Protein backbone atom coordinates (compact mmCIF):
# COMPACT_ATOMS: atom_id res chain seq x y z
CA MET A 1 44.51 24.46 126.01
CA SER A 2 42.81 22.74 128.85
CA LYS A 3 41.03 20.02 128.37
CA ALA A 4 37.20 19.68 129.01
CA LEU A 5 36.15 16.62 130.75
CA SER A 6 32.91 15.07 130.69
CA ALA A 7 31.06 14.19 133.52
CA PRO A 8 29.85 11.04 133.82
CA ALA A 9 26.39 10.10 132.88
CA ALA A 10 23.63 9.24 135.49
CA SER A 11 21.30 6.89 135.23
CA LEU A 12 17.91 7.24 137.08
CA ALA A 13 16.40 4.08 138.55
CA PRO A 14 12.90 3.33 138.33
CA ILE A 15 10.68 3.69 141.50
CA PRO A 16 8.50 0.56 142.39
CA VAL A 17 4.81 1.09 142.21
CA ARG A 18 4.28 -0.38 145.69
CA ASP A 19 6.51 2.56 146.81
CA ILE A 20 4.52 5.35 145.18
CA LEU A 21 0.81 3.84 145.41
CA PRO A 22 0.23 4.90 149.01
CA TRP A 23 0.95 8.53 147.90
CA LEU A 24 -1.24 8.23 145.42
CA VAL A 25 -4.08 7.10 147.66
CA PHE A 26 -3.13 9.23 150.09
CA GLY A 27 -3.15 12.03 147.41
CA GLY A 28 -6.41 11.29 146.09
CA LEU A 29 -7.88 10.95 149.58
CA PHE A 30 -6.79 14.63 149.97
CA CYS A 31 -7.94 16.02 146.90
CA LEU A 32 -11.64 14.61 147.39
CA LEU A 33 -11.51 15.75 150.78
CA ALA A 34 -10.67 19.21 149.52
CA ILE A 35 -13.29 19.13 146.84
CA TYR A 36 -16.28 17.95 149.33
CA PHE A 37 -15.33 20.84 151.59
CA VAL A 38 -15.36 23.74 149.16
CA GLY A 39 -18.05 22.19 146.98
CA ALA A 40 -20.53 20.65 149.45
CA GLU A 41 -19.93 21.62 152.98
CA GLN A 42 -22.89 23.44 153.71
CA GLY A 43 -26.82 23.03 154.34
CA ALA A 44 -28.03 19.46 154.92
CA THR A 45 -25.06 17.70 153.99
CA ALA A 46 -22.40 19.35 156.39
CA LEU A 47 -20.15 17.52 158.75
CA LEU A 48 -19.33 20.33 160.97
CA PRO A 49 -21.87 22.34 162.58
CA GLY A 50 -22.26 25.78 161.78
CA HIS A 51 -20.98 27.90 158.64
CA PHE A 52 -17.46 27.87 159.88
CA MET A 53 -16.50 25.81 156.62
CA HIS A 54 -18.52 27.41 154.39
CA GLU A 55 -17.09 30.99 155.33
CA LEU A 56 -13.59 29.49 155.38
CA VAL A 57 -13.65 28.66 151.87
CA HIS A 58 -16.11 31.03 150.54
CA ASP A 59 -14.05 33.01 147.88
CA GLY A 60 -12.65 29.27 147.16
CA ARG A 61 -16.08 28.34 145.89
CA HIS A 62 -16.69 31.22 143.74
CA LEU A 63 -13.45 30.93 142.04
CA LEU A 64 -14.20 27.31 141.09
CA ALA A 65 -17.82 28.15 140.25
CA PHE A 66 -19.37 26.40 142.74
CA PRO A 67 -23.14 28.25 143.51
CA CYS A 68 -23.38 28.79 147.37
CA HIS A 69 -25.62 31.73 147.85
């Protein structure tokens, strides 16, 4: 019969917070920007002129229950 060989156990090294922090900040700012464009980019608070952004995220507004009409 053949003998089963076991693979050596791999240990995972922890990732330092200083390596993760810039990505967390970037992800948080990106999420805030996305929520702004989906939830508030229309009317008096619009950063972009016209209704382009409103029409682009229109279905997302309804999906997330943001009022827009």
